[in-house]
Amino acid sequence: MYLHKIKKIPWILGYNAFFFMLIFILLDLIFGEILLYNYIVSVNLKDHKFTYTPAKFHEETYQSVVNKWQAREDIFKNSDQENYRDPFQ
């Protein structure tokens, strides 16, 4: 008996496809509005207290990075410049 009712579901969906699509579109719009409200509107309505802390420039860290780059560049410049024969000729 239940198997007979389950087999009717695709036929009912196909017969009333337009109305089911309208219902699904309406549900999608409602879900989208809920997400819009939760993540955009309600966040903008709340009072946020931001503390402004200016970014600090760390000179030591910058100099260590520059020194490492310079060391790598020196290694590449001082590497052997051998001309190897092309294996594809």
PDB file of N, CA and C in Angstrom:
ATOM      1  N   MET A   1       0.821  -1.181   0.000  1.00  0.00           N
ATOM      2  CA  MET A   1       0.000   0.000   0.000  1.00  0.00           C
ATOM      3  C   MET A   1       0.877   1.261   0.000  1.00  0.00           C
ATOM      4  N   TYR A   2       1.932   1.270   0.838  1.00  0.00           N
ATOM      5  CA  TYR A   2       2.817   2.434   0.885  1.00  0.00           C
ATOM      6  C   TYR A   2       3.633   2.557  -0.391  1.00  0.00           C
ATOM      7  N   LEU A   3       3.996   1.437  -0.977  1.00  0.00           N
ATOM      8  CA  LEU A   3       4.762   1.453  -2.226  1.00  0.00           C
ATOM      9  C   LEU A   3       3.941   2.072  -3.346  1.00  0.00           C
ATOM     10  N   HIS A   4       2.669   1.828  -3.353  1.00  0.00           N
ATOM     11  CA  HIS A   4       1.780   2.408  -4.358  1.00  0.00           C
ATOM     12  C   HIS A   4       1.702   3.931  -4.214  1.00  0.00           C
ATOM     13  N   LYS A   5       1.685   4.427  -2.963  1.00  0.00           N
ATOM     14  CA  LYS A   5       1.652   5.876  -2.734  1.00  0.00           C
ATOM     15  C   LYS A   5       2.985   6.526  -3.096  1.00  0.00           C
ATOM     16  N   ILE A   6       4.088   5.817  -2.837  1.00  0.00           N
ATOM     17  CA  ILE A   6       5.411   6.350  -3.167  1.00  0.00           C
ATOM     18  C   ILE A   6       5.570   6.459  -4.675  1.00  0.00           C
ATOM     19  N   LYS A   7       5.034   5.525  -5.416  1.00  0.00           N
ATOM     20  CA  LYS A   7       5.132   5.561  -6.874  1.00  0.00           C
ATOM     21  C   LYS A   7       4.330   6.720  -7.474  1.00  0.00           C
ATOM     22  N   LYS A   8       3.357   7.229  -6.755  1.00  0.00           N
ATOM     23  CA  LYS A   8       2.542   8.334  -7.255  1.00  0.00           C
ATOM     24  C   LYS A   8       3.232   9.692  -7.091  1.00  0.00           C
ATOM     25  N   ILE A   9       4.231   9.774  -6.231  1.00  0.00           N
ATOM     26  CA  ILE A   9       4.873  11.065  -5.945  1.00  0.00           C
ATOM     27  C   ILE A   9       5.449  11.712  -7.203  1.00  0.00           C
ATOM     28  N   PRO A  10       6.242  11.012  -8.032  1.00  0.00           N
ATOM     29  CA  PRO A  10       6.749  11.676  -9.250  1.00  0.00           C
ATOM     30  C   PRO A  10       5.640  12.144 -10.189  1.00  0.00           C
ATOM     31  N   TRP A  11       4.547  11.387 -10.260  1.00  0.00           N
ATOM     32  CA  TRP A  11       3.438  11.788 -11.135  1.00  0.00           C
ATOM     33  C   TRP A  11       2.750  13.041 -10.589  1.00  0.00           C
ATOM     34  N   ILE A  12       2.605  13.102  -9.288  1.00  0.00           N
ATOM     35  CA  ILE A  12       1.986  14.291  -8.682  1.00  0.00           C
ATOM     36  C   ILE A  12       2.884  15.507  -8.892  1.00  0.00           C
ATOM     37  N   LEU A  13       4.202  15.331  -8.714  1.00  0.00           N
ATOM     38  CA  LEU A  13       5.138  16.428  -8.935  1.00  0.00           C
ATOM     39  C   LEU A  13       5.128  16.885 -10.393  1.00  0.00           C
ATOM     40  N   GLY A  14       5.068  15.946 -11.314  1.00  0.00           N
ATOM     41  CA  GLY A  14       5.047  16.299 -12.731  1.00  0.00           C
ATOM     42  C   GLY A  14       3.745  16.970 -13.141  1.00  0.00           C
ATOM     43  N   TYR A  15       2.656  16.517 -12.594  1.00  0.00           N
ATOM     44  CA  TYR A  15       1.353  17.064 -12.954  1.00  0.00           C
ATOM     45  C   TYR A  15       1.196  18.490 -12.434  1.00  0.00           C
ATOM     46  N   ASN A  16       1.744  18.755 -11.252  1.00  0.00           N
ATOM     47  CA  ASN A  16       1.652  20.078 -10.635  1.00  0.00           C
ATOM     48  C   ASN A  16       3.017  20.770 -10.601  1.00  0.00           C
ATOM     49  N   ALA A  17       3.811  20.604 -11.626  1.00  0.00           N
ATOM     50  CA  ALA A  17       5.187  21.108 -11.637  1.00  0.00           C
ATOM     51  C   ALA A  17       5.239  22.626 -11.500  1.00  0.00           C
ATOM     52  N   PHE A  18       4.365  23.323 -12.154  1.00  0.00           N
ATOM     53  CA  PHE A  18       4.372  24.784 -12.095  1.00  0.00           C
ATOM     54  C   PHE A  18       4.164  25.283 -10.670  1.00  0.00           C
ATOM     55  N   PHE A  19       3.209  24.703  -9.985  1.00  0.00           N
ATOM     56  CA  PHE A  19       2.928  25.133  -8.620  1.00  0.00           C
ATOM     57  C   PHE A  19       4.061  24.766  -7.663  1.00  0.00           C
ATOM     58  N   PHE A  20       4.680  23.588  -7.872  1.00  0.00           N
ATOM     59  CA  PHE A  20       5.811  23.217  -7.038  1.00  0.00           C
ATOM     60  C   PHE A  20       7.006  24.133  -7.283  1.00  0.00           C
ATOM     61  N   MET A  21       7.223  24.538  -8.536  1.00  0.00           N
ATOM     62  CA  MET A  21       8.311  25.476  -8.833  1.00  0.00           C
ATOM     63  C   MET A  21       8.050  26.827  -8.174  1.00  0.00           C
ATOM     64  N   LEU A  22       6.810  27.272  -8.188  1.00  0.00           N
ATOM     65  CA  LEU A  22       6.486  28.524  -7.507  1.00  0.00           C
ATOM     66  C   LEU A  22       6.743  28.420  -6.005  1.00  0.00           C
ATOM     67  N   ILE A  23       6.385  27.300  -5.431  1.00  0.00           N
ATOM     68  CA  ILE A  23       6.620  27.093  -4.002  1.00  0.00           C
ATOM     69  C   ILE A  23       8.121  27.070  -3.705  1.00  0.00           C
ATOM     70  N   PHE A  24       8.901  26.365  -4.547  1.00  0.00           N
ATOM     71  CA  PHE A  24      10.347  26.300  -4.321  1.00  0.00           C
ATOM     72  C   PHE A  24      11.001  27.665  -4.504  1.00  0.00           C
ATOM     73  N   ILE A  25      10.547  28.444  -5.461  1.00  0.00           N
ATOM     74  CA  ILE A  25      11.094  29.792  -5.656  1.00  0.00           C
ATOM     75  C   ILE A  25      10.747  30.672  -4.463  1.00  0.00           C
ATOM     76  N   LEU A  26       9.530  30.553  -3.963  1.00  0.00           N
ATOM     77  CA  LEU A  26       9.124  31.318  -2.793  1.00  0.00           C
ATOM     78  C   LEU A  26       9.958  30.930  -1.567  1.00  0.00           C
ATOM     79  N   LEU A  27      10.179  29.644  -1.381  1.00  0.00           N
ATOM     80  CA  LEU A  27      11.021  29.198  -0.266  1.00  0.00           C
ATOM     81  C   LEU A  27      12.450  29.703  -0.412  1.00  0.00           C
ATOM     82  N   ASP A  28      12.964  29.711  -1.641  1.00  0.00           N
ATOM     83  CA  ASP A  28      14.306  30.217  -1.895  1.00  0.00           C
ATOM     84  C   ASP A  28      14.403  31.702  -1.580  1.00  0.00           C
ATOM     85  N   LEU A  29      13.400  32.470  -1.956  1.00  0.00           N
ATOM     86  CA  LEU A  29      13.391  33.898  -1.650  1.00  0.00           C
ATOM     87  C   LEU A  29      13.335  34.146  -0.142  1.00  0.00           C
ATOM     88  N   ILE A  30      12.534  33.376   0.538  1.00  0.00           N
ATOM     89  CA  ILE A  30      12.440  33.525   1.990  1.00  0.00           C
ATOM     90  C   ILE A  30      13.774  33.178   2.646  1.00  0.00           C
ATOM     91  N   PHE A  31      14.382  32.093   2.221  1.00  0.00           N
ATOM     92  CA  PHE A  31      15.675  31.686   2.765  1.00  0.00           C
ATOM     93  C   PHE A  31      16.744  32.742   2.481  1.00  0.00           C
ATOM     94  N   GLY A  32      16.736  33.299   1.283  1.00  0.00           N
ATOM     95  CA  GLY A  32      17.693  34.350   0.927  1.00  0.00           C
ATOM     96  C   GLY A  32      17.499  35.595   1.754  1.00  0.00           C
ATOM     97  N   GLU A  33      16.264  35.966   2.005  1.00  0.00           N
ATOM     98  CA  GLU A  33      15.991  37.136   2.830  1.00  0.00           C
ATOM     99  C   GLU A  33      16.435  36.911   4.272  1.00  0.00           C
ATOM    100  N   ILE A  34      16.256  35.711   4.774  1.00  0.00           N
ATOM    101  CA  ILE A  34      16.717  35.399   6.133  1.00  0.00           C
ATOM    102  C   ILE A  34      18.232  35.527   6.206  1.00  0.00           C
ATOM    103  N   LEU A  35      18.942  34.980   5.222  1.00  0.00           N
ATOM    104  CA  LEU A  35      20.397  35.099   5.205  1.00  0.00           C
ATOM    105  C   LEU A  35      20.832  36.551   5.076  1.00  0.00           C
ATOM    106  N   LEU A  36      20.170  37.307   4.212  1.00  0.00           N
ATOM    107  CA  LEU A  36      20.494  38.719   4.039  1.00  0.00           C
ATOM    108  C   LEU A  36      20.315  39.473   5.348  1.00  0.00           C
ATOM    109  N   TYR A  37      19.238  39.222   6.030  1.00  0.00           N
ATOM    110  CA  TYR A  37      18.982  39.918   7.284  1.00  0.00           C
ATOM    111  C   TYR A  37      20.012  39.534   8.346  1.00  0.00           C
ATOM    112  N   ASN A  38      20.292  38.227   8.454  1.00  0.00           N
ATOM    113  CA  ASN A  38      21.198  37.773   9.517  1.00  0.00           C
ATOM    114  C   ASN A  38      22.619  38.262   9.320  1.00  0.00           C
ATOM    115  N   TYR A  39      23.110  38.267   8.087  1.00  0.00           N
ATOM    116  CA  TYR A  39      24.527  38.538   7.874  1.00  0.00           C
ATOM    117  C   TYR A  39      24.838  39.952   7.401  1.00  0.00           C
ATOM    118  N   ILE A  40      23.855  40.725   6.998  1.00  0.00           N
ATOM    119  CA  ILE A  40      24.138  42.076   6.516  1.00  0.00           C
ATOM    120  C   ILE A  40      23.362  43.114   7.311  1.00  0.00           C
ATOM    121  N   VAL A  41      22.064  43.002   7.347  1.00  0.00           N
ATOM    122  CA  VAL A  41      21.246  44.047   7.960  1.00  0.00           C
ATOM    123  C   VAL A  41      21.438  44.084   9.468  1.00  0.00           C
ATOM    124  N   SER A  42      21.334  42.938  10.128  1.00  0.00           N
ATOM    125  CA  SER A  42      21.438  42.943  11.593  1.00  0.00           C
ATOM    126  C   SER A  42      22.845  43.289  12.057  1.00  0.00           C
ATOM    127  N   VAL A  43      23.858  42.969  11.266  1.00  0.00           N
ATOM    128  CA  VAL A  43      25.228  43.325  11.631  1.00  0.00           C
ATOM    129  C   VAL A  43      25.413  44.830  11.550  1.00  0.00           C
ATOM    130  N   ASN A  44      24.830  45.471  10.547  1.00  0.00           N
ATOM    131  CA  ASN A  44      24.947  46.919  10.419  1.00  0.00           C
ATOM    132  C   ASN A  44      24.142  47.663  11.476  1.00  0.00           C
ATOM    133  N   LEU A  45      23.110  47.057  12.003  1.00  0.00           N
ATOM    134  CA  LEU A  45      22.286  47.717  13.008  1.00  0.00           C
ATOM    135  C   LEU A  45      22.915  47.706  14.401  1.00  0.00           C
ATOM    136  N   LYS A  46      23.758  46.723  14.663  1.00  0.00           N
ATOM    137  CA  LYS A  46      24.379  46.623  15.983  1.00  0.00           C
ATOM    138  C   LYS A  46      25.439  47.706  16.134  1.00  0.00           C
ATOM    139  N   ASP A  47      25.606  48.153  17.368  1.00  0.00           N
ATOM    140  CA  ASP A  47      26.650  49.131  17.658  1.00  0.00           C
ATOM    141  C   ASP A  47      27.969  48.397  17.835  1.00  0.00           C
ATOM    142  N   HIS A  48      28.903  48.737  16.995  1.00  0.00           N
ATOM    143  CA  HIS A  48      30.224  48.132  17.085  1.00  0.00           C
ATOM    144  C   HIS A  48      31.183  49.153  17.666  1.00  0.00           C
ATOM    145  N   LYS A  49      31.968  48.699  18.569  1.00  0.00           N
ATOM    146  CA  LYS A  49      32.973  49.564  19.156  1.00  0.00           C
ATOM    147  C   LYS A  49      34.336  49.076  18.691  1.00  0.00           C
ATOM    148  N   PHE A  50      34.845  49.744  17.683  1.00  0.00           N
ATOM    149  CA  PHE A  50      36.133  49.373  17.131  1.00  0.00           C
ATOM    150  C   PHE A  50      37.224  50.167  17.846  1.00  0.00           C
ATOM    151  N   THR A  51      38.273  49.491  18.148  1.00  0.00           N
ATOM    152  CA  THR A  51      39.432  50.173  18.704  1.00  0.00           C
ATOM    153  C   THR A  51      40.465  50.261  17.599  1.00  0.00           C
ATOM    154  N   TYR A  52      40.848  51.473  17.289  1.00  0.00           N
ATOM    155  CA  TYR A  52      41.792  51.691  16.211  1.00  0.00           C
ATOM    156  C   TYR A  52      43.208  51.574  16.748  1.00  0.00           C
ATOM    157  N   THR A  53      43.929  50.615  16.235  1.00  0.00           N
ATOM    158  CA  THR A  53      45.335  50.476  16.583  1.00  0.00           C
ATOM    159  C   THR A  53      46.124  50.571  15.287  1.00  0.00           C
ATOM    160  N   PRO A  54      46.956  51.567  15.175  1.00  0.00           N
ATOM    161  CA  PRO A  54      47.719  51.716  13.933  1.00  0.00           C
ATOM    162  C   PRO A  54      48.726  50.584  13.773  1.00  0.00           C
ATOM    163  N   ALA A  55      48.977  50.243  12.530  1.00  0.00           N
ATOM    164  CA  ALA A  55      49.923  49.180  12.241  1.00  0.00           C
ATOM    165  C   ALA A  55      51.333  49.672  12.515  1.00  0.00           C
ATOM    166  N   LYS A  56      52.139  48.781  13.067  1.00  0.00           N
ATOM    167  CA  LYS A  56      53.521  49.131  13.377  1.00  0.00           C
ATOM    168  C   LYS A  56      54.443  48.482  12.356  1.00  0.00           C
ATOM    169  N   PHE A  57      55.440  49.215  11.959  1.00  0.00           N
ATOM    170  CA  PHE A  57      56.419  48.699  11.015  1.00  0.00           C
ATOM    171  C   PHE A  57      57.583  48.135  11.819  1.00  0.00           C
ATOM    172  N   HIS A  58      57.857  46.862  11.629  1.00  0.00           N
ATOM    173  CA  HIS A  58      58.929  46.191  12.355  1.00  0.00           C
ATOM    174  C   HIS A  58      60.195  46.233  11.500  1.00  0.00           C
ATOM    175  N   GLU A  59      61.069  47.138  11.841  1.00  0.00           N
ATOM    176  CA  GLU A  59      62.284  47.355  11.058  1.00  0.00           C
ATOM    177  C   GLU A  59      63.206  46.134  11.096  1.00  0.00           C
ATOM    178  N   GLU A  60      63.296  45.462  12.250  1.00  0.00           N
ATOM    179  CA  GLU A  60      64.181  44.294  12.353  1.00  0.00           C
ATOM    180  C   GLU A  60      63.731  43.172  11.433  1.00  0.00           C
ATOM    181  N   THR A  61      62.453  42.924  11.428  1.00  0.00           N
ATOM    182  CA  THR A  61      61.909  41.871  10.572  1.00  0.00           C
ATOM    183  C   THR A  61      62.132  42.216   9.108  1.00  0.00           C
ATOM    184  N   TYR A  62      61.897  43.446   8.752  1.00  0.00           N
ATOM    185  CA  TYR A  62      62.111  43.889   7.372  1.00  0.00           C
ATOM    186  C   TYR A  62      63.572  43.711   6.974  1.00  0.00           C
ATOM    187  N   GLN A  63      64.486  44.108   7.836  1.00  0.00           N
ATOM    188  CA  GLN A  63      65.898  43.985   7.511  1.00  0.00           C
ATOM    189  C   GLN A  63      66.322  42.525   7.392  1.00  0.00           C
ATOM    190  N   SER A  64      65.761  41.640   8.210  1.00  0.00           N
ATOM    191  CA  SER A  64      66.117  40.223   8.102  1.00  0.00           C
ATOM    192  C   SER A  64      65.630  39.641   6.781  1.00  0.00           C
ATOM    193  N   VAL A  65      64.454  40.049   6.346  1.00  0.00           N
ATOM    194  CA  VAL A  65      63.933  39.564   5.062  1.00  0.00           C
ATOM    195  C   VAL A  65      64.779  40.101   3.911  1.00  0.00           C
ATOM    196  N   VAL A  66      65.142  41.383   3.973  1.00  0.00           N
ATOM    197  CA  VAL A  66      65.974  41.971   2.925  1.00  0.00           C
ATOM    198  C   VAL A  66      67.333  41.287   2.878  1.00  0.00           C
ATOM    199  N   ASN A  67      67.898  40.981   4.031  1.00  0.00           N
ATOM    200  CA  ASN A  67      69.192  40.290   4.068  1.00  0.00           C
ATOM    201  C   ASN A  67      69.103  38.893   3.460  1.00  0.00           C
ATOM    202  N   LYS A  68      68.031  38.177   3.751  1.00  0.00           N
ATOM    203  CA  LYS A  68      67.851  36.841   3.166  1.00  0.00           C
ATOM    204  C   LYS A  68      67.691  36.925   1.658  1.00  0.00           C
ATOM    205  N   TRP A  69      66.939  37.902   1.176  1.00  0.00           N
ATOM    206  CA  TRP A  69      66.779  38.070  -0.274  1.00  0.00           C
ATOM    207  C   TRP A  69      68.110  38.402  -0.929  1.00  0.00           C
ATOM    208  N   GLN A  70      68.884  39.242  -0.271  1.00  0.00           N
ATOM    209  CA  GLN A  70      70.179  39.621  -0.816  1.00  0.00           C
ATOM    210  C   GLN A  70      71.107  38.403  -0.869  1.00  0.00           C
ATOM    211  N   ALA A  71      71.078  37.569   0.170  1.00  0.00           N
ATOM    212  CA  ALA A  71      71.904  36.364   0.186  1.00  0.00           C
ATOM    213  C   ALA A  71      71.485  35.418  -0.934  1.00  0.00           C
ATOM    214  N   ARG A  72      70.208  35.252  -1.165  1.00  0.00           N
ATOM    215  CA  ARG A  72      69.740  34.383  -2.247  1.00  0.00           C
ATOM    216  C   ARG A  72      70.138  34.939  -3.607  1.00  0.00           C
ATOM    217  N   GLU A  73      70.033  36.249  -3.752  1.00  0.00           N
ATOM    218  CA  GLU A  73      70.416  36.863  -5.021  1.00  0.00           C
ATOM    219  C   GLU A  73      71.906  36.683  -5.272  1.00  0.00           C
ATOM    220  N   ASP A  74      72.725  36.802  -4.230  1.00  0.00           N
ATOM    221  CA  ASP A  74      74.162  36.582  -4.378  1.00  0.00           C
ATOM    222  C   ASP A  74      74.470  35.148  -4.768  1.00  0.00           C
ATOM    223  N   ILE A  75      73.749  34.215  -4.192  1.00  0.00           N
ATOM    224  CA  ILE A  75      73.949  32.804  -4.536  1.00  0.00           C
ATOM    225  C   ILE A  75      73.624  32.568  -6.005  1.00  0.00           C
ATOM    226  N   PHE A  76      72.532  33.136  -6.495  1.00  0.00           N
ATOM    227  CA  PHE A  76      72.161  32.954  -7.902  1.00  0.00           C
ATOM    228  C   PHE A  76      73.147  33.643  -8.844  1.00  0.00           C
ATOM    229  N   LYS A  77      73.637  34.791  -8.441  1.00  0.00           N
ATOM    230  CA  LYS A  77      74.582  35.500  -9.300  1.00  0.00           C
ATOM    231  C   LYS A  77      75.932  34.800  -9.363  1.00  0.00           C
ATOM    232  N   ASN A  78      76.332  34.158  -8.270  1.00  0.00           N
ATOM    233  CA  ASN A  78      77.634  33.508  -8.207  1.00  0.00           C
ATOM    234  C   ASN A  78      77.596  32.048  -8.639  1.00  0.00           C
ATOM    235  N   SER A  79      76.455  31.570  -9.034  1.00  0.00           N
ATOM    236  CA  SER A  79      76.368  30.174  -9.452  1.00  0.00           C
ATOM    237  C   SER A  79      77.072  29.985 -10.790  1.00  0.00           C
ATOM    238  N   ASP A  80      77.474  28.749 -11.069  1.00  0.00           N
ATOM    239  CA  ASP A  80      78.178  28.444 -12.314  1.00  0.00           C
ATOM    240  C   ASP A  80      77.259  28.657 -13.501  1.00  0.00           C
ATOM    241  N   GLN A  81      77.792  29.275 -14.517  1.00  0.00           N
ATOM    242  CA  GLN A  81      77.020  29.534 -15.735  1.00  0.00           C
ATOM    243  C   GLN A  81      77.494  28.587 -16.833  1.00  0.00           C
ATOM    244  N   GLU A  82      77.333  27.320 -16.601  1.00  0.00           N
ATOM    245  CA  GLU A  82      77.767  26.331 -17.588  1.00  0.00           C
ATOM    246  C   GLU A  82      76.742  26.246 -18.708  1.00  0.00           C
ATOM    247  N   ASN A  83      77.223  26.059 -19.898  1.00  0.00           N
ATOM    248  CA  ASN A  83      76.338  25.854 -21.050  1.00  0.00           C
ATOM    249  C   ASN A  83      76.230  24.358 -21.291  1.00  0.00           C
ATOM    250  N   TYR A  84      75.053  23.870 -21.106  1.00  0.00           N
ATOM    251  CA  TYR A  84      74.805  22.445 -21.301  1.00  0.00           C
ATOM    252  C   TYR A  84      74.311  22.223 -22.715  1.00  0.00           C
ATOM    253  N   ARG A  85      74.643  21.046 -23.231  1.00  0.00           N
ATOM    254  CA  ARG A  85      74.235  20.696 -24.571  1.00  0.00           C
ATOM    255  C   ARG A  85      72.735  20.373 -24.558  1.00  0.00           C
ATOM    256  N   ASP A  86      72.036  20.811 -25.609  1.00  0.00           N
ATOM    257  CA  ASP A  86      70.598  20.612 -25.710  1.00  0.00           C
ATOM    258  C   ASP A  86      70.329  19.139 -26.059  1.00  0.00           C
ATOM    259  N   PRO A  87      69.629  18.395 -25.211  1.00  0.00           N
ATOM    260  CA  PRO A  87      69.391  16.966 -25.480  1.00  0.00           C
ATOM    261  C   PRO A  87      68.338  16.748 -26.584  1.00  0.00           C
ATOM    262  N   PHE A  88      67.628  17.781 -27.009  1.00  0.00           N
ATOM    263  CA  PHE A  88      66.563  17.614 -27.996  1.00  0.00           C
ATOM    264  C   PHE A  88      67.016  17.920 -29.415  1.00  0.00           C
ATOM    265  N   GLN A  89      68.302  18.194 -29.617  1.00  0.00           N
ATOM    266  CA  GLN A  89      68.768  18.454 -30.976  1.00  0.00           C
ATOM    267  C   GLN A  89      69.258  17.184 -31.615  1.00  0.00           C
TER     268      GLN A  89
END
